[in-house]
């Protein structure tokens, strides 16, 4: 058969796997980029000067959903973000009545141990310790230095240091921006139960 056709079966296979010549159609691979684009850095996509004279409007829109799904943002589906935003707004609009309020210093703790309520302490939860408030009470705490606030749930007893009325979890203190200082002046508001 080799003598009749004059072709080697290996050369036909090599010809099929070889990239096409520059005059033929280009391979289906993206050309390597020398510098990151705005879209790859999380920015908005803007028209960039193209090296090829032909417009490439059709491939770019098909690439944009793939890029957004690989980024740190959650995928956007029609209708879902609006629903989530509406639910979040409704939750924020519902303000709880303030039962009492005051000012003091607050510290934070991070040791993994059982709390006075019997649950295991979670430094990543928005919880706090107070000497007298009932367990499960919600308290809005505001950092007087920067105005940040967080709502925490009382699940422990303490602090037992003079001048301090709240011992916050590490996550709650981080939301208030007080991790670096350790003890911060706060205003607290005890919220009514639902």
N, C-alpha and C. Protein backbone atom coordinates (compact mmCIF):
# COMPACT_ATOMS: atom_id res chain seq x y z
N UNK A 1 0.82 -1.20 0.00
CA UNK A 1 0.00 0.00 0.00
C UNK A 1 0.85 1.25 0.00
N UNK A 2 2.01 1.21 0.67
CA UNK A 2 2.88 2.37 0.69
C UNK A 2 3.41 2.69 -0.70
N UNK A 3 3.74 1.65 -1.43
CA UNK A 3 4.27 1.88 -2.76
C UNK A 3 3.20 2.42 -3.70
N UNK A 4 1.96 1.99 -3.51
CA UNK A 4 0.89 2.42 -4.40
C UNK A 4 0.53 3.89 -4.19
N UNK A 5 0.47 4.34 -2.94
CA UNK A 5 0.08 5.72 -2.69
C UNK A 5 1.27 6.65 -2.59
N UNK A 6 2.39 6.10 -2.20
CA UNK A 6 3.57 6.93 -2.06
C UNK A 6 3.52 7.79 -0.79
N UNK A 7 2.64 7.42 0.14
CA UNK A 7 2.50 8.21 1.37
C UNK A 7 2.73 7.30 2.56
N UNK A 8 3.32 7.83 3.54
CA UNK A 8 3.56 7.12 4.79
C UNK A 8 2.40 7.43 5.73
N UNK A 9 1.76 6.44 6.40
CA UNK A 9 0.64 6.74 7.29
C UNK A 9 1.06 7.67 8.43
N UNK A 10 2.29 7.62 8.85
CA UNK A 10 2.77 8.52 9.92
C UNK A 10 2.81 9.96 9.46
N UNK A 11 3.14 10.20 8.19
CA UNK A 11 3.21 11.58 7.71
C UNK A 11 1.81 12.18 7.58
N UNK A 12 0.80 11.38 7.28
CA UNK A 12 -0.57 11.88 7.20
C UNK A 12 -1.05 12.29 8.59
N UNK A 13 -0.70 11.49 9.60
CA UNK A 13 -1.08 11.81 10.97
C UNK A 13 -0.37 13.08 11.42
N UNK A 14 0.89 13.24 11.06
CA UNK A 14 1.64 14.44 11.43
C UNK A 14 1.07 15.67 10.74
N UNK A 15 0.61 15.51 9.51
CA UNK A 15 0.04 16.64 8.78
C UNK A 15 -1.28 17.09 9.44
N UNK A 16 -2.07 16.14 9.97
CA UNK A 16 -3.32 16.50 10.64
C UNK A 16 -3.07 17.24 11.95
N UNK A 17 -2.02 16.90 12.68
CA UNK A 17 -1.74 17.51 13.98
C UNK A 17 -0.91 18.77 13.88
N UNK A 18 -0.34 19.06 12.74
CA UNK A 18 0.52 20.24 12.59
C UNK A 18 -0.34 21.49 12.52
N UNK A 19 0.14 22.61 13.09
CA UNK A 19 -0.62 23.85 12.98
C UNK A 19 -0.64 24.33 11.54
N UNK A 20 -1.70 25.05 11.21
CA UNK A 20 -1.84 25.50 9.84
C UNK A 20 -0.88 26.63 9.55
N UNK A 21 -0.66 26.86 8.29
CA UNK A 21 0.26 27.91 7.88
C UNK A 21 -0.33 29.28 8.18
N UNK A 22 0.52 30.32 8.22
CA UNK A 22 0.01 31.66 8.50
C UNK A 22 -1.04 32.14 7.51
N UNK A 23 -1.05 31.58 6.31
CA UNK A 23 -2.05 32.02 5.32
C UNK A 23 -3.38 31.32 5.53
N UNK A 24 -3.41 30.18 6.26
CA UNK A 24 -4.64 29.45 6.52
C UNK A 24 -5.40 30.06 7.69
N UNK A 25 -6.40 29.35 8.17
CA UNK A 25 -7.16 29.85 9.31
C UNK A 25 -6.33 29.70 10.59
N UNK A 26 -6.42 30.64 11.50
CA UNK A 26 -5.61 30.56 12.73
C UNK A 26 -6.14 29.48 13.66
N UNK A 27 -5.30 28.97 14.55
CA UNK A 27 -5.76 27.97 15.52
C UNK A 27 -6.77 28.61 16.48
N UNK A 28 -7.52 27.80 17.21
CA UNK A 28 -8.57 28.28 18.09
C UNK A 28 -8.05 28.69 19.47
N UNK A 29 -6.81 29.03 19.59
CA UNK A 29 -6.25 29.42 20.87
C UNK A 29 -6.17 30.94 20.95
N UNK A 30 -6.32 31.47 22.17
CA UNK A 30 -6.15 32.90 22.38
C UNK A 30 -4.67 33.23 22.33
N UNK A 31 -4.31 34.37 21.75
CA UNK A 31 -2.90 34.76 21.76
C UNK A 31 -2.49 35.14 23.18
N UNK A 32 -1.24 34.88 23.56
CA UNK A 32 -0.80 35.25 24.91
C UNK A 32 -0.79 36.75 25.08
N UNK A 33 -1.16 37.22 26.26
CA UNK A 33 -1.18 38.66 26.55
C UNK A 33 0.09 39.03 27.28
N UNK A 34 0.61 40.18 26.95
CA UNK A 34 1.84 40.61 27.60
C UNK A 34 1.57 41.34 28.90
N UNK A 35 0.45 42.03 29.00
CA UNK A 35 0.12 42.76 30.22
C UNK A 35 -1.32 42.44 30.60
N UNK A 36 -1.63 42.41 31.90
CA UNK A 36 -3.00 42.11 32.29
C UNK A 36 -3.95 43.22 31.84
N UNK A 37 -5.15 42.82 31.46
CA UNK A 37 -6.14 43.80 31.03
C UNK A 37 -6.97 44.24 32.21
N UNK A 38 -7.78 45.28 32.01
CA UNK A 38 -8.65 45.75 33.09
C UNK A 38 -9.61 44.66 33.53
N UNK A 39 -10.13 43.89 32.57
CA UNK A 39 -11.11 42.86 32.91
C UNK A 39 -10.48 41.79 33.77
N UNK A 40 -9.22 41.43 33.54
CA UNK A 40 -8.59 40.40 34.35
C UNK A 40 -8.24 40.89 35.73
N UNK A 41 -8.18 42.20 35.93
CA UNK A 41 -7.89 42.75 37.26
C UNK A 41 -9.16 43.09 38.01
N UNK A 42 -10.32 42.71 37.50
CA UNK A 42 -11.57 42.97 38.18
C UNK A 42 -12.21 44.28 37.80
N UNK A 43 -11.62 45.03 36.87
CA UNK A 43 -12.18 46.31 36.46
C UNK A 43 -13.23 46.11 35.38
N UNK A 44 -13.69 47.21 34.84
CA UNK A 44 -14.67 47.13 33.78
C UNK A 44 -13.97 46.95 32.45
N UNK A 45 -14.64 46.31 31.53
CA UNK A 45 -14.05 46.06 30.21
C UNK A 45 -14.22 47.32 29.38
N UNK A 46 -13.14 47.79 28.82
CA UNK A 46 -13.19 48.93 27.92
C UNK A 46 -12.59 48.52 26.60
N UNK A 47 -12.95 49.19 25.52
CA UNK A 47 -12.39 48.81 24.24
C UNK A 47 -10.88 49.02 24.24
N UNK A 48 -10.17 47.99 23.80
CA UNK A 48 -8.71 48.07 23.72
C UNK A 48 -8.31 48.08 22.26
N UNK A 49 -7.19 48.70 21.93
CA UNK A 49 -6.75 48.67 20.53
C UNK A 49 -6.45 47.24 20.12
N UNK A 50 -6.90 46.89 18.95
CA UNK A 50 -6.76 45.53 18.47
C UNK A 50 -5.56 45.44 17.53
N UNK A 51 -4.80 44.34 17.61
CA UNK A 51 -3.66 44.13 16.73
C UNK A 51 -4.13 43.66 15.36
N UNK A 52 -5.29 43.02 15.29
CA UNK A 52 -5.79 42.53 14.01
C UNK A 52 -6.73 43.56 13.41
N UNK A 53 -6.72 43.71 12.06
CA UNK A 53 -7.58 44.71 11.43
C UNK A 53 -9.05 44.32 11.45
N UNK A 54 -9.38 43.02 11.62
CA UNK A 54 -10.77 42.61 11.57
C UNK A 54 -11.43 42.77 12.94
N UNK A 55 -12.68 43.19 13.00
CA UNK A 55 -13.36 43.34 14.29
C UNK A 55 -13.64 41.97 14.90
N UNK A 56 -13.47 41.89 16.20
CA UNK A 56 -13.72 40.63 16.90
C UNK A 56 -14.82 40.84 17.94
N UNK A 57 -15.96 41.35 17.48
CA UNK A 57 -17.05 41.67 18.41
C UNK A 57 -17.74 40.42 18.91
N UNK A 58 -17.83 39.37 18.11
CA UNK A 58 -18.57 38.20 18.54
C UNK A 58 -17.84 37.37 19.61
N UNK A 59 -16.50 37.17 19.59
CA UNK A 59 -15.88 36.36 20.64
C UNK A 59 -15.89 37.04 22.01
N UNK A 60 -15.77 38.37 22.08
CA UNK A 60 -15.65 39.03 23.38
C UNK A 60 -16.88 38.88 24.24
N UNK A 61 -18.11 39.07 23.73
CA UNK A 61 -19.26 38.87 24.61
C UNK A 61 -19.37 37.45 25.13
N UNK A 62 -18.97 36.46 24.32
CA UNK A 62 -19.05 35.09 24.82
C UNK A 62 -17.98 34.83 25.87
N UNK A 63 -16.89 35.59 25.88
CA UNK A 63 -15.85 35.40 26.89
C UNK A 63 -16.22 36.06 28.21
N UNK A 64 -16.99 37.12 28.20
CA UNK A 64 -17.25 37.87 29.42
C UNK A 64 -17.98 37.06 30.48
N UNK A 65 -18.99 36.21 30.19
CA UNK A 65 -19.59 35.43 31.26
C UNK A 65 -18.60 34.44 31.87
N UNK A 66 -17.71 33.88 31.03
CA UNK A 66 -16.73 32.95 31.57
C UNK A 66 -15.79 33.66 32.52
N UNK A 67 -15.39 34.87 32.19
CA UNK A 67 -14.47 35.60 33.06
C UNK A 67 -15.12 35.99 34.37
N UNK A 68 -16.39 36.41 34.33
CA UNK A 68 -17.04 36.82 35.56
C UNK A 68 -17.28 35.62 36.47
N UNK A 69 -17.50 34.42 35.90
CA UNK A 69 -17.72 33.27 36.75
C UNK A 69 -16.43 32.81 37.40
N UNK A 70 -15.27 33.11 36.80
CA UNK A 70 -14.02 32.70 37.41
C UNK A 70 -13.48 33.75 38.37
N UNK A 71 -14.10 34.91 38.43
CA UNK A 71 -13.65 35.93 39.36
C UNK A 71 -14.22 35.67 40.74
N UNK A 72 -13.91 36.54 41.68
CA UNK A 72 -14.36 36.35 43.05
C UNK A 72 -15.82 36.73 43.23
N UNK A 73 -16.43 37.38 42.25
CA UNK A 73 -17.83 37.75 42.36
C UNK A 73 -18.71 36.53 42.14
N UNK A 74 -19.88 36.56 42.76
CA UNK A 74 -20.85 35.50 42.55
C UNK A 74 -21.46 35.66 41.16
N UNK A 75 -21.82 34.56 40.52
CA UNK A 75 -22.42 34.68 39.20
C UNK A 75 -23.73 35.44 39.28
N UNK A 76 -23.99 36.23 38.26
CA UNK A 76 -25.21 37.04 38.25
C UNK A 76 -26.23 36.38 37.34
N UNK A 77 -27.39 36.11 37.90
CA UNK A 77 -28.48 35.52 37.15
C UNK A 77 -29.64 36.50 37.13
N UNK A 78 -30.38 36.57 36.04
CA UNK A 78 -31.49 37.52 35.96
C UNK A 78 -32.51 37.26 37.07
N UNK A 79 -32.88 38.31 37.77
CA UNK A 79 -33.90 38.20 38.81
C UNK A 79 -33.37 37.90 40.19
N UNK A 80 -32.31 37.15 40.31
CA UNK A 80 -31.81 36.75 41.62
C UNK A 80 -31.23 37.92 42.40
N UNK A 81 -30.34 38.76 41.82
CA UNK A 81 -29.80 39.86 42.61
C UNK A 81 -30.87 40.81 43.10
N UNK A 82 -31.88 41.10 42.27
CA UNK A 82 -32.95 41.99 42.70
C UNK A 82 -33.69 41.41 43.89
N UNK A 83 -33.95 40.11 43.86
CA UNK A 83 -34.65 39.46 44.96
C UNK A 83 -33.81 39.53 46.23
N UNK A 84 -32.53 39.25 46.11
CA UNK A 84 -31.66 39.30 47.28
C UNK A 84 -31.54 40.71 47.82
N UNK A 85 -31.43 41.69 46.93
CA UNK A 85 -31.32 43.08 47.38
C UNK A 85 -32.59 43.51 48.10
N UNK A 86 -33.75 43.10 47.57
CA UNK A 86 -35.01 43.47 48.20
C UNK A 86 -35.12 42.85 49.59
N UNK A 87 -34.73 41.59 49.72
CA UNK A 87 -34.79 40.93 51.02
C UNK A 87 -33.83 41.59 52.01
N UNK A 88 -32.65 41.96 51.53
CA UNK A 88 -31.68 42.61 52.41
C UNK A 88 -32.18 43.98 52.84
N UNK A 89 -32.79 44.72 51.92
CA UNK A 89 -33.32 46.04 52.27
C UNK A 89 -34.46 45.92 53.27
N UNK A 90 -35.34 44.94 53.08
CA UNK A 90 -36.46 44.75 54.00
C UNK A 90 -35.94 44.40 55.39
N UNK A 91 -34.89 43.61 55.45
CA UNK A 91 -34.33 43.23 56.74
C UNK A 91 -33.68 44.44 57.41
N UNK A 92 -33.00 45.28 56.63
CA UNK A 92 -32.35 46.46 57.20
C UNK A 92 -33.38 47.51 57.63
N UNK A 93 -34.48 47.62 56.89
CA UNK A 93 -35.49 48.62 57.22
C UNK A 93 -36.18 48.31 58.53
N UNK A 94 -36.27 47.02 58.87
CA UNK A 94 -36.93 46.64 60.10
C UNK A 94 -36.01 46.97 61.27
N UNK A 95 -36.28 48.06 61.93
CA UNK A 95 -35.44 48.49 63.04
C UNK A 95 -36.04 47.98 64.33
N UNK A 96 -35.18 47.48 65.16
CA UNK A 96 -35.63 47.03 66.47
C UNK A 96 -35.67 48.20 67.43
N UNK A 97 -36.58 48.11 68.36
CA UNK A 97 -36.73 49.16 69.36
C UNK A 97 -35.58 49.05 70.36
N UNK A 98 -35.00 50.19 70.72
CA UNK A 98 -33.91 50.23 71.69
C UNK A 98 -34.51 50.28 73.09
N UNK A 99 -34.14 49.30 73.93
CA UNK A 99 -34.66 49.21 75.29
C UNK A 99 -33.84 50.07 76.24
N UNK A 100 -32.52 49.99 76.13
CA UNK A 100 -31.63 50.81 76.95
C UNK A 100 -30.33 51.03 76.20
N UNK A 101 -29.55 51.99 76.67
CA UNK A 101 -28.27 52.28 76.01
C UNK A 101 -27.29 52.83 77.02
N UNK A 102 -26.05 52.91 76.61
CA UNK A 102 -25.01 53.44 77.48
C UNK A 102 -23.68 53.47 76.78
N UNK A 103 -22.64 53.86 77.51
CA UNK A 103 -21.28 53.92 76.97
C UNK A 103 -20.33 53.23 77.93
N UNK A 104 -19.31 52.62 77.39
CA UNK A 104 -18.28 51.97 78.20
C UNK A 104 -17.12 51.59 77.29
N UNK A 105 -16.20 50.82 77.80
CA UNK A 105 -15.10 50.28 77.00
C UNK A 105 -15.41 48.83 76.69
N UNK A 106 -14.99 48.38 75.53
CA UNK A 106 -15.19 46.99 75.13
C UNK A 106 -13.86 46.40 74.72
N UNK A 107 -13.69 45.14 75.05
CA UNK A 107 -12.49 44.39 74.65
C UNK A 107 -12.96 43.19 73.83
N UNK A 108 -12.02 42.34 73.43
CA UNK A 108 -12.41 41.14 72.71
C UNK A 108 -11.62 39.95 73.20
N UNK A 109 -12.16 38.78 72.96
CA UNK A 109 -11.48 37.54 73.33
C UNK A 109 -11.64 36.52 72.22
N UNK A 110 -10.77 35.53 72.20
CA UNK A 110 -10.74 34.59 71.09
C UNK A 110 -10.51 33.15 71.52
N UNK A 111 -10.44 32.88 72.81
CA UNK A 111 -10.17 31.52 73.27
C UNK A 111 -11.35 30.60 72.95
N UNK A 112 -11.05 29.42 72.44
CA UNK A 112 -12.09 28.44 72.13
C UNK A 112 -12.46 27.66 73.38
N UNK A 113 -13.54 28.01 74.01
CA UNK A 113 -13.98 27.35 75.24
C UNK A 113 -15.50 27.38 75.27
N UNK A 114 -16.09 26.75 76.27
CA UNK A 114 -17.54 26.80 76.40
C UNK A 114 -17.94 28.11 77.04
N UNK A 115 -19.05 28.67 76.57
CA UNK A 115 -19.54 29.94 77.11
C UNK A 115 -20.48 29.65 78.28
N UNK A 116 -20.89 30.70 78.96
CA UNK A 116 -21.81 30.54 80.08
C UNK A 116 -23.18 30.03 79.63
N UNK A 117 -23.51 30.21 78.36
CA UNK A 117 -24.79 29.72 77.84
C UNK A 117 -24.72 28.23 77.50
N UNK A 118 -23.53 27.64 77.53
CA UNK A 118 -23.37 26.22 77.25
C UNK A 118 -22.91 25.92 75.84
N UNK A 119 -22.94 26.89 74.95
CA UNK A 119 -22.48 26.65 73.58
C UNK A 119 -20.97 26.86 73.49
N UNK A 120 -20.39 26.27 72.49
CA UNK A 120 -18.94 26.41 72.28
C UNK A 120 -18.68 27.80 71.71
N UNK A 121 -17.67 28.49 72.23
CA UNK A 121 -17.33 29.83 71.76
C UNK A 121 -16.79 29.75 70.34
N UNK A 122 -17.32 30.61 69.48
CA UNK A 122 -16.89 30.69 68.09
C UNK A 122 -16.35 32.10 67.85
N UNK A 123 -15.04 32.27 67.66
CA UNK A 123 -14.49 33.61 67.47
C UNK A 123 -14.95 34.26 66.17
N UNK A 124 -15.49 33.48 65.23
CA UNK A 124 -15.96 34.03 63.96
C UNK A 124 -17.43 34.43 63.99
N UNK A 125 -18.13 34.17 65.09
CA UNK A 125 -19.54 34.56 65.21
C UNK A 125 -19.63 35.95 65.83
N UNK A 126 -20.72 36.64 65.57
CA UNK A 126 -20.93 37.98 66.13
C UNK A 126 -21.61 37.85 67.48
N UNK A 127 -20.80 37.57 68.50
CA UNK A 127 -21.30 37.36 69.86
C UNK A 127 -20.56 38.25 70.84
N UNK A 128 -21.08 38.30 72.07
CA UNK A 128 -20.47 39.13 73.11
C UNK A 128 -20.75 38.54 74.48
N UNK A 129 -19.96 38.98 75.44
CA UNK A 129 -20.18 38.63 76.84
C UNK A 129 -20.59 39.89 77.58
N UNK A 130 -21.58 39.75 78.47
CA UNK A 130 -22.04 40.86 79.31
C UNK A 130 -22.33 40.28 80.69
N UNK A 131 -22.15 41.08 81.72
CA UNK A 131 -22.31 40.57 83.09
C UNK A 131 -23.75 40.24 83.44
N UNK A 132 -24.72 41.05 83.00
CA UNK A 132 -26.08 40.89 83.51
C UNK A 132 -27.17 40.70 82.45
N UNK A 133 -26.95 41.06 81.22
CA UNK A 133 -28.00 40.94 80.21
C UNK A 133 -28.38 39.48 79.99
N UNK A 134 -29.66 39.20 79.74
CA UNK A 134 -30.09 37.81 79.51
C UNK A 134 -29.41 37.22 78.26
N UNK A 135 -29.17 35.91 78.31
CA UNK A 135 -28.57 35.23 77.17
C UNK A 135 -29.49 35.36 75.95
N UNK A 136 -28.91 35.59 74.80
CA UNK A 136 -29.67 35.74 73.56
C UNK A 136 -30.07 37.17 73.26
N UNK A 137 -29.79 38.10 74.17
CA UNK A 137 -30.12 39.50 73.94
C UNK A 137 -29.27 40.05 72.80
N UNK A 138 -29.89 40.82 71.93
CA UNK A 138 -29.16 41.47 70.83
C UNK A 138 -28.75 42.87 71.28
N UNK A 139 -27.50 43.21 70.99
CA UNK A 139 -26.95 44.51 71.38
C UNK A 139 -26.27 45.13 70.17
N UNK A 140 -26.64 46.37 69.85
CA UNK A 140 -25.95 47.10 68.78
C UNK A 140 -24.80 47.86 69.42
N UNK A 141 -23.58 47.59 68.96
CA UNK A 141 -22.38 48.20 69.52
C UNK A 141 -21.78 49.11 68.46
N UNK A 142 -21.47 50.36 68.83
CA UNK A 142 -20.89 51.34 67.91
C UNK A 142 -19.55 51.80 68.44
N UNK A 143 -18.52 51.73 67.61
CA UNK A 143 -17.19 52.22 67.96
C UNK A 143 -17.23 53.74 67.92
N UNK A 144 -16.92 54.38 69.03
CA UNK A 144 -16.96 55.84 69.09
C UNK A 144 -15.83 56.48 68.28
N UNK A 145 -14.75 55.76 68.06
CA UNK A 145 -13.61 56.32 67.32
C UNK A 145 -13.89 56.46 65.82
N UNK A 146 -14.62 55.51 65.23
CA UNK A 146 -14.81 55.55 63.78
C UNK A 146 -16.27 55.46 63.33
N UNK A 147 -17.21 55.27 64.24
CA UNK A 147 -18.62 55.22 63.89
C UNK A 147 -19.13 53.89 63.37
N UNK A 148 -18.27 52.89 63.24
CA UNK A 148 -18.72 51.58 62.76
C UNK A 148 -19.57 50.91 63.83
N UNK A 149 -20.56 50.13 63.38
CA UNK A 149 -21.40 49.44 64.35
C UNK A 149 -21.65 48.01 63.91
N UNK A 150 -22.01 47.17 64.88
CA UNK A 150 -22.31 45.77 64.64
C UNK A 150 -23.34 45.34 65.68
N UNK A 151 -24.21 44.42 65.30
CA UNK A 151 -25.17 43.86 66.24
C UNK A 151 -24.68 42.49 66.66
N UNK A 152 -24.57 42.29 67.97
CA UNK A 152 -24.06 41.03 68.52
C UNK A 152 -25.12 40.38 69.40
N UNK A 153 -24.94 39.09 69.66
CA UNK A 153 -25.83 38.33 70.53
C UNK A 153 -25.07 37.98 71.80
N UNK A 154 -25.67 38.23 72.95
CA UNK A 154 -25.03 37.90 74.23
C UNK A 154 -25.13 36.40 74.45
N UNK A 155 -23.98 35.73 74.64
CA UNK A 155 -23.98 34.29 74.89
C UNK A 155 -22.99 33.90 75.98
N UNK A 156 -22.44 34.89 76.69
CA UNK A 156 -21.43 34.59 77.71
C UNK A 156 -21.48 35.65 78.81
N UNK A 157 -20.79 35.41 79.90
CA UNK A 157 -20.68 36.36 81.00
C UNK A 157 -19.29 36.96 81.02
N UNK A 158 -19.22 38.22 81.40
CA UNK A 158 -17.95 38.93 81.48
C UNK A 158 -18.15 40.30 80.89
N UNK A 159 -17.18 41.08 80.72
CA UNK A 159 -15.81 40.94 81.22
C UNK A 159 -15.76 41.30 82.71
N UNK A 160 -14.80 40.75 83.37
CA UNK A 160 -14.66 41.00 84.80
C UNK A 160 -13.47 41.90 85.06
N UNK A 161 -13.40 42.98 84.30
CA UNK A 161 -12.36 44.00 84.43
C UNK A 161 -13.08 45.33 84.59
N UNK A 162 -12.66 46.14 85.53
CA UNK A 162 -13.31 47.43 85.78
C UNK A 162 -13.31 48.33 84.56
N UNK A 163 -14.43 49.02 84.32
CA UNK A 163 -14.55 49.97 83.21
C UNK A 163 -15.00 49.36 81.91
N UNK A 164 -15.03 48.05 81.81
CA UNK A 164 -15.47 47.39 80.58
C UNK A 164 -16.83 46.75 80.81
N UNK A 165 -17.71 46.92 79.85
CA UNK A 165 -19.04 46.32 79.98
C UNK A 165 -19.29 45.21 78.97
N UNK A 166 -18.48 45.14 77.91
CA UNK A 166 -18.67 44.12 76.87
C UNK A 166 -17.34 43.47 76.52
N UNK A 167 -17.41 42.18 76.31
CA UNK A 167 -16.29 41.41 75.78
C UNK A 167 -16.79 40.84 74.45
N UNK A 168 -16.28 41.34 73.35
CA UNK A 168 -16.75 40.96 72.02
C UNK A 168 -15.97 39.80 71.45
N UNK A 169 -16.57 39.07 70.53
CA UNK A 169 -15.83 38.05 69.79
C UNK A 169 -14.86 38.76 68.85
N UNK A 170 -13.88 38.02 68.37
CA UNK A 170 -12.87 38.61 67.49
C UNK A 170 -13.51 39.13 66.20
N UNK A 171 -14.50 38.42 65.67
CA UNK A 171 -15.17 38.85 64.43
C UNK A 171 -15.92 40.16 64.65
N UNK A 172 -16.58 40.30 65.80
CA UNK A 172 -17.31 41.53 66.09
C UNK A 172 -16.35 42.70 66.25
N UNK A 173 -15.23 42.47 66.93
CA UNK A 173 -14.24 43.54 67.11
C UNK A 173 -13.63 43.93 65.76
N UNK A 174 -13.43 42.95 64.89
CA UNK A 174 -12.88 43.26 63.56
C UNK A 174 -13.85 44.13 62.77
N UNK A 175 -15.15 43.86 62.86
CA UNK A 175 -16.14 44.70 62.16
C UNK A 175 -16.14 46.12 62.70
N UNK A 176 -15.83 46.27 63.98
CA UNK A 176 -15.77 47.60 64.58
C UNK A 176 -14.44 48.29 64.31
N UNK A 177 -13.45 47.55 63.81
CA UNK A 177 -12.14 48.13 63.51
C UNK A 177 -11.29 48.35 64.74
N UNK A 178 -11.43 47.49 65.75
CA UNK A 178 -10.68 47.69 66.98
C UNK A 178 -9.70 46.59 67.33
N UNK A 179 -9.38 45.71 66.39
CA UNK A 179 -8.46 44.61 66.68
C UNK A 179 -7.09 45.13 67.09
N UNK A 180 -6.60 46.16 66.42
CA UNK A 180 -5.26 46.68 66.70
C UNK A 180 -5.13 47.29 68.08
N UNK A 181 -6.18 47.94 68.58
CA UNK A 181 -6.08 48.60 69.87
C UNK A 181 -6.47 47.69 71.03
N UNK A 182 -7.31 46.70 70.80
CA UNK A 182 -7.66 45.75 71.86
C UNK A 182 -8.82 46.21 72.73
N UNK A 183 -8.80 47.44 73.20
CA UNK A 183 -9.89 48.00 74.01
C UNK A 183 -10.31 49.30 73.34
N UNK A 184 -11.63 49.44 73.11
CA UNK A 184 -12.13 50.63 72.42
C UNK A 184 -13.32 51.22 73.19
N UNK A 185 -13.53 52.53 73.08
CA UNK A 185 -14.73 53.13 73.66
C UNK A 185 -15.93 52.86 72.75
N UNK A 186 -17.03 52.39 73.33
CA UNK A 186 -18.20 52.05 72.53
C UNK A 186 -19.46 52.66 73.13
N UNK A 187 -20.45 52.76 72.29
CA UNK A 187 -21.81 53.08 72.72
C UNK A 187 -22.60 51.82 72.42
N UNK A 188 -23.38 51.34 73.39
CA UNK A 188 -24.16 50.13 73.18
C UNK A 188 -25.64 50.44 73.31
N UNK A 189 -26.44 49.72 72.54
CA UNK A 189 -27.89 49.84 72.58
C UNK A 189 -28.48 48.44 72.69
N UNK A 190 -29.20 48.19 73.78
CA UNK A 190 -29.85 46.90 73.97
C UNK A 190 -31.14 46.92 73.16
N UNK A 191 -31.30 45.95 72.27
CA UNK A 191 -32.45 45.91 71.36
C UNK A 191 -33.55 45.01 71.91
N UNK A 192 -34.80 45.39 71.64
CA UNK A 192 -35.94 44.62 72.11
C UNK A 192 -35.99 43.28 71.38
N UNK A 193 -36.51 42.27 72.05
CA UNK A 193 -36.66 40.95 71.43
C UNK A 193 -37.82 40.98 70.45
N UNK A 194 -37.76 40.14 69.42
CA UNK A 194 -38.85 40.08 68.43
C UNK A 194 -40.09 39.45 69.01
